[in-house]
Amino acid sequence: MFLGTYTPRLDEKGRLILPAKYRDELGNGLVLTRGQERCIYVFSAREFERVHEQMQAAPLSSRQARDYIRVFLSGASDEMPDKQGRVTIPPPLRQYAGLDREVTVIGAGNRAEIWDSTSWNSYLEEKEQSFSETDEEIIPGLF
């Protein structure tokens, strides 16, 4: 499970040092793809296969499902971290998420997310109030 918040920096080659706590899960390969809210989703290769299987269950007749799958998979890139735990983020994904040097990596359960730090801080500030007001119906059984 991916947890926590980390603030590594991208180097001049667009590489990111993965948080040490994530390396065991991601060391045998990972998939980067477009995430919602203009972040990059980071899945272990195994988890990405599971997500892909769920997508295959969507009806081909659903235009919304086809659109989502196209955007999601067309931006996907399978990567292998190097011995220092660095992973290269392809230029199209860096551009999509507006990444420069300052990035924030967050754990989101079954995936990690890479955000431009300014965008993450704005998002968090905006969502913290609604977080504190969340009712049980949103996530049944949690409270």
Protein backbone atom coordinates (compact mmCIF):
# COMPACT_ATOMS: atom_id res chain seq x y z
CA MET A 1 0.00 0.00 0.00
CA PHE A 2 1.30 3.45 -0.90
CA LEU A 3 1.09 5.96 1.95
CA GLY A 4 2.57 9.32 2.85
CA THR A 5 3.80 12.48 1.15
CA TYR A 6 7.31 13.02 -0.22
CA THR A 7 8.97 15.94 -1.97
CA PRO A 8 11.80 14.70 -4.21
CA ARG A 9 13.08 16.82 -7.09
CA LEU A 10 13.24 16.01 -10.77
CA ASP A 11 16.77 16.08 -12.13
CA GLU A 12 17.74 17.71 -15.44
CA LYS A 13 17.00 14.43 -17.28
CA GLY A 14 13.44 14.21 -15.94
CA ARG A 15 14.28 11.48 -13.42
CA LEU A 16 12.71 11.14 -10.03
CA ILE A 17 14.14 9.25 -7.07
CA LEU A 18 11.35 7.02 -5.83
CA PRO A 19 10.60 7.24 -2.11
CA ALA A 20 12.49 4.44 -0.32
CA LYS A 21 9.25 3.01 1.09
CA TYR A 22 7.90 2.50 -2.45
CA ARG A 23 10.93 0.83 -3.99
CA ASP A 24 10.15 -2.76 -2.98
CA GLU A 25 6.73 -2.58 -4.60
CA LEU A 26 7.95 -0.74 -7.71
CA GLY A 27 11.43 -2.24 -8.10
CA ASN A 28 10.34 -4.91 -10.58
CA GLY A 29 8.68 -2.43 -12.89
CA LEU A 30 6.00 0.20 -12.82
CA VAL A 31 3.58 1.97 -15.10
CA LEU A 32 3.20 5.74 -15.26
CA THR A 33 0.06 7.19 -16.84
CA ARG A 34 -2.15 10.24 -16.89
CA GLY A 35 -4.08 10.66 -13.69
CA GLN A 36 -7.11 12.74 -13.01
CA GLU A 37 -6.61 16.32 -11.77
CA ARG A 38 -3.46 16.56 -13.93
CA CYS A 39 -1.22 14.31 -11.85
CA ILE A 40 0.64 11.17 -12.88
CA TYR A 41 -0.53 7.83 -11.55
CA VAL A 42 2.19 5.34 -10.61
CA PHE A 43 1.16 1.68 -10.50
CA SER A 44 3.23 -1.40 -9.84
CA ALA A 45 3.23 -3.59 -12.94
CA ARG A 46 1.04 -6.12 -11.11
CA GLU A 47 -1.53 -3.52 -10.01
CA PHE A 48 -1.65 -2.01 -13.49
CA GLU A 49 -2.55 -5.43 -14.89
CA ARG A 50 -5.42 -5.63 -12.39
CA VAL A 51 -6.64 -2.15 -13.35
CA HIS A 52 -6.43 -3.08 -17.04
CA GLU A 53 -8.52 -6.21 -16.41
CA GLN A 54 -11.19 -4.02 -14.81
CA MET A 55 -11.15 -1.76 -17.87
CA GLN A 56 -11.62 -4.74 -20.16
CA ALA A 57 -14.84 -5.53 -18.32
CA ALA A 58 -16.33 -2.18 -19.39
CA PRO A 59 -18.83 -2.49 -22.23
CA LEU A 60 -17.36 -1.60 -25.61
CA SER A 61 -20.64 0.12 -26.40
CA SER A 62 -20.02 2.74 -23.68
CA ARG A 63 -18.59 5.88 -25.28
CA GLN A 64 -17.47 7.24 -21.89
CA ALA A 65 -15.62 4.00 -21.11
CA ARG A 66 -13.92 4.01 -24.53
CA ASP A 67 -12.89 7.64 -24.09
CA TYR A 68 -11.49 7.05 -20.61
CA ILE A 69 -9.58 3.92 -21.65
CA ARG A 70 -8.07 5.68 -24.67
CA VAL A 71 -6.80 8.64 -22.64
CA PHE A 72 -5.62 6.43 -19.78
CA LEU A 73 -3.76 3.83 -21.85
CA SER A 74 -2.40 6.12 -24.57
CA GLY A 75 -0.45 8.01 -21.92
CA ALA A 76 0.86 4.90 -20.19
CA SER A 77 4.56 4.13 -20.08
CA ASP A 78 6.12 1.07 -18.49
CA GLU A 79 9.36 1.93 -16.73
CA MET A 80 12.06 0.18 -14.74
CA PRO A 81 13.77 2.01 -11.87
CA ASP A 82 17.57 2.08 -12.03
CA LYS A 83 19.83 0.84 -9.22
CA GLN A 84 19.57 4.19 -7.42
CA GLY A 85 15.76 3.97 -7.42
CA ARG A 86 15.37 6.62 -10.12
CA VAL A 87 12.67 6.47 -12.74
CA THR A 88 12.47 8.62 -15.86
CA ILE A 89 9.18 10.41 -16.39
CA PRO A 90 8.60 10.69 -20.16
CA PRO A 91 8.33 14.27 -21.48
CA PRO A 92 4.64 13.99 -22.52
CA LEU A 93 3.68 12.98 -18.97
CA ARG A 94 5.82 15.73 -17.44
CA GLN A 95 4.07 18.21 -19.72
CA TYR A 96 0.60 16.79 -18.92
CA ALA A 97 1.16 17.20 -15.16
CA GLY A 98 3.04 20.50 -15.49
CA LEU A 99 6.10 19.06 -13.76
CA ASP A 100 9.23 21.13 -13.36
CA ARG A 101 11.82 20.52 -10.62
CA GLU A 102 9.62 20.67 -7.50
CA VAL A 103 7.31 17.68 -7.28
CA THR A 104 5.25 16.00 -4.60
CA VAL A 105 4.73 12.24 -4.52
CA ILE A 106 1.77 11.02 -2.50
CA GLY A 107 0.58 7.58 -1.57
CA ALA A 108 -2.98 6.87 -2.66
CA GLY A 109 -3.44 3.26 -1.56
CA ASN A 110 -3.08 1.05 -4.62
CA ARG A 111 -1.04 3.68 -6.46
CA ALA A 112 1.25 6.63 -5.93
CA GLU A 113 0.66 9.99 -7.57
CA ILE A 114 3.19 12.53 -8.81
CA TRP A 115 2.10 16.16 -8.66
CA ASP A 116 3.64 19.49 -9.41
CA SER A 117 4.22 20.74 -5.84
CA THR A 118 2.37 24.03 -6.35
CA SER A 119 -0.61 22.20 -7.85
CA TRP A 120 -0.64 19.66 -5.01
CA ASN A 121 -0.54 22.36 -2.33
CA SER A 122 -3.41 24.24 -4.02
CA TYR A 123 -5.44 21.05 -4.39
CA LEU A 124 -4.88 20.08 -0.75
CA GLU A 125 -5.78 23.53 0.52
CA GLU A 126 -8.97 23.50 -1.55
CA LYS A 127 -10.03 19.98 -0.49
CA GLU A 128 -9.16 20.00 3.23
CA GLN A 129 -12.43 21.72 4.19
CA SER A 130 -14.59 19.24 2.28
CA PHE A 131 -12.45 16.41 3.74
CA SER A 132 -13.42 17.45 7.25
CA GLU A 133 -17.09 17.63 6.22
CA THR A 134 -17.26 14.22 4.51
CA ASP A 135 -20.35 12.22 5.44
CA GLU A 136 -20.46 8.47 5.91
CA GLU A 137 -22.45 7.96 2.72
CA ILE A 138 -19.42 9.01 0.67
CA ILE A 139 -17.26 6.17 2.03
CA PRO A 140 -19.71 3.75 3.68
CA GLY A 141 -18.54 2.04 6.84
CA LEU A 142 -15.47 4.23 7.30
CA PHE A 143 -16.75 6.33 10.19
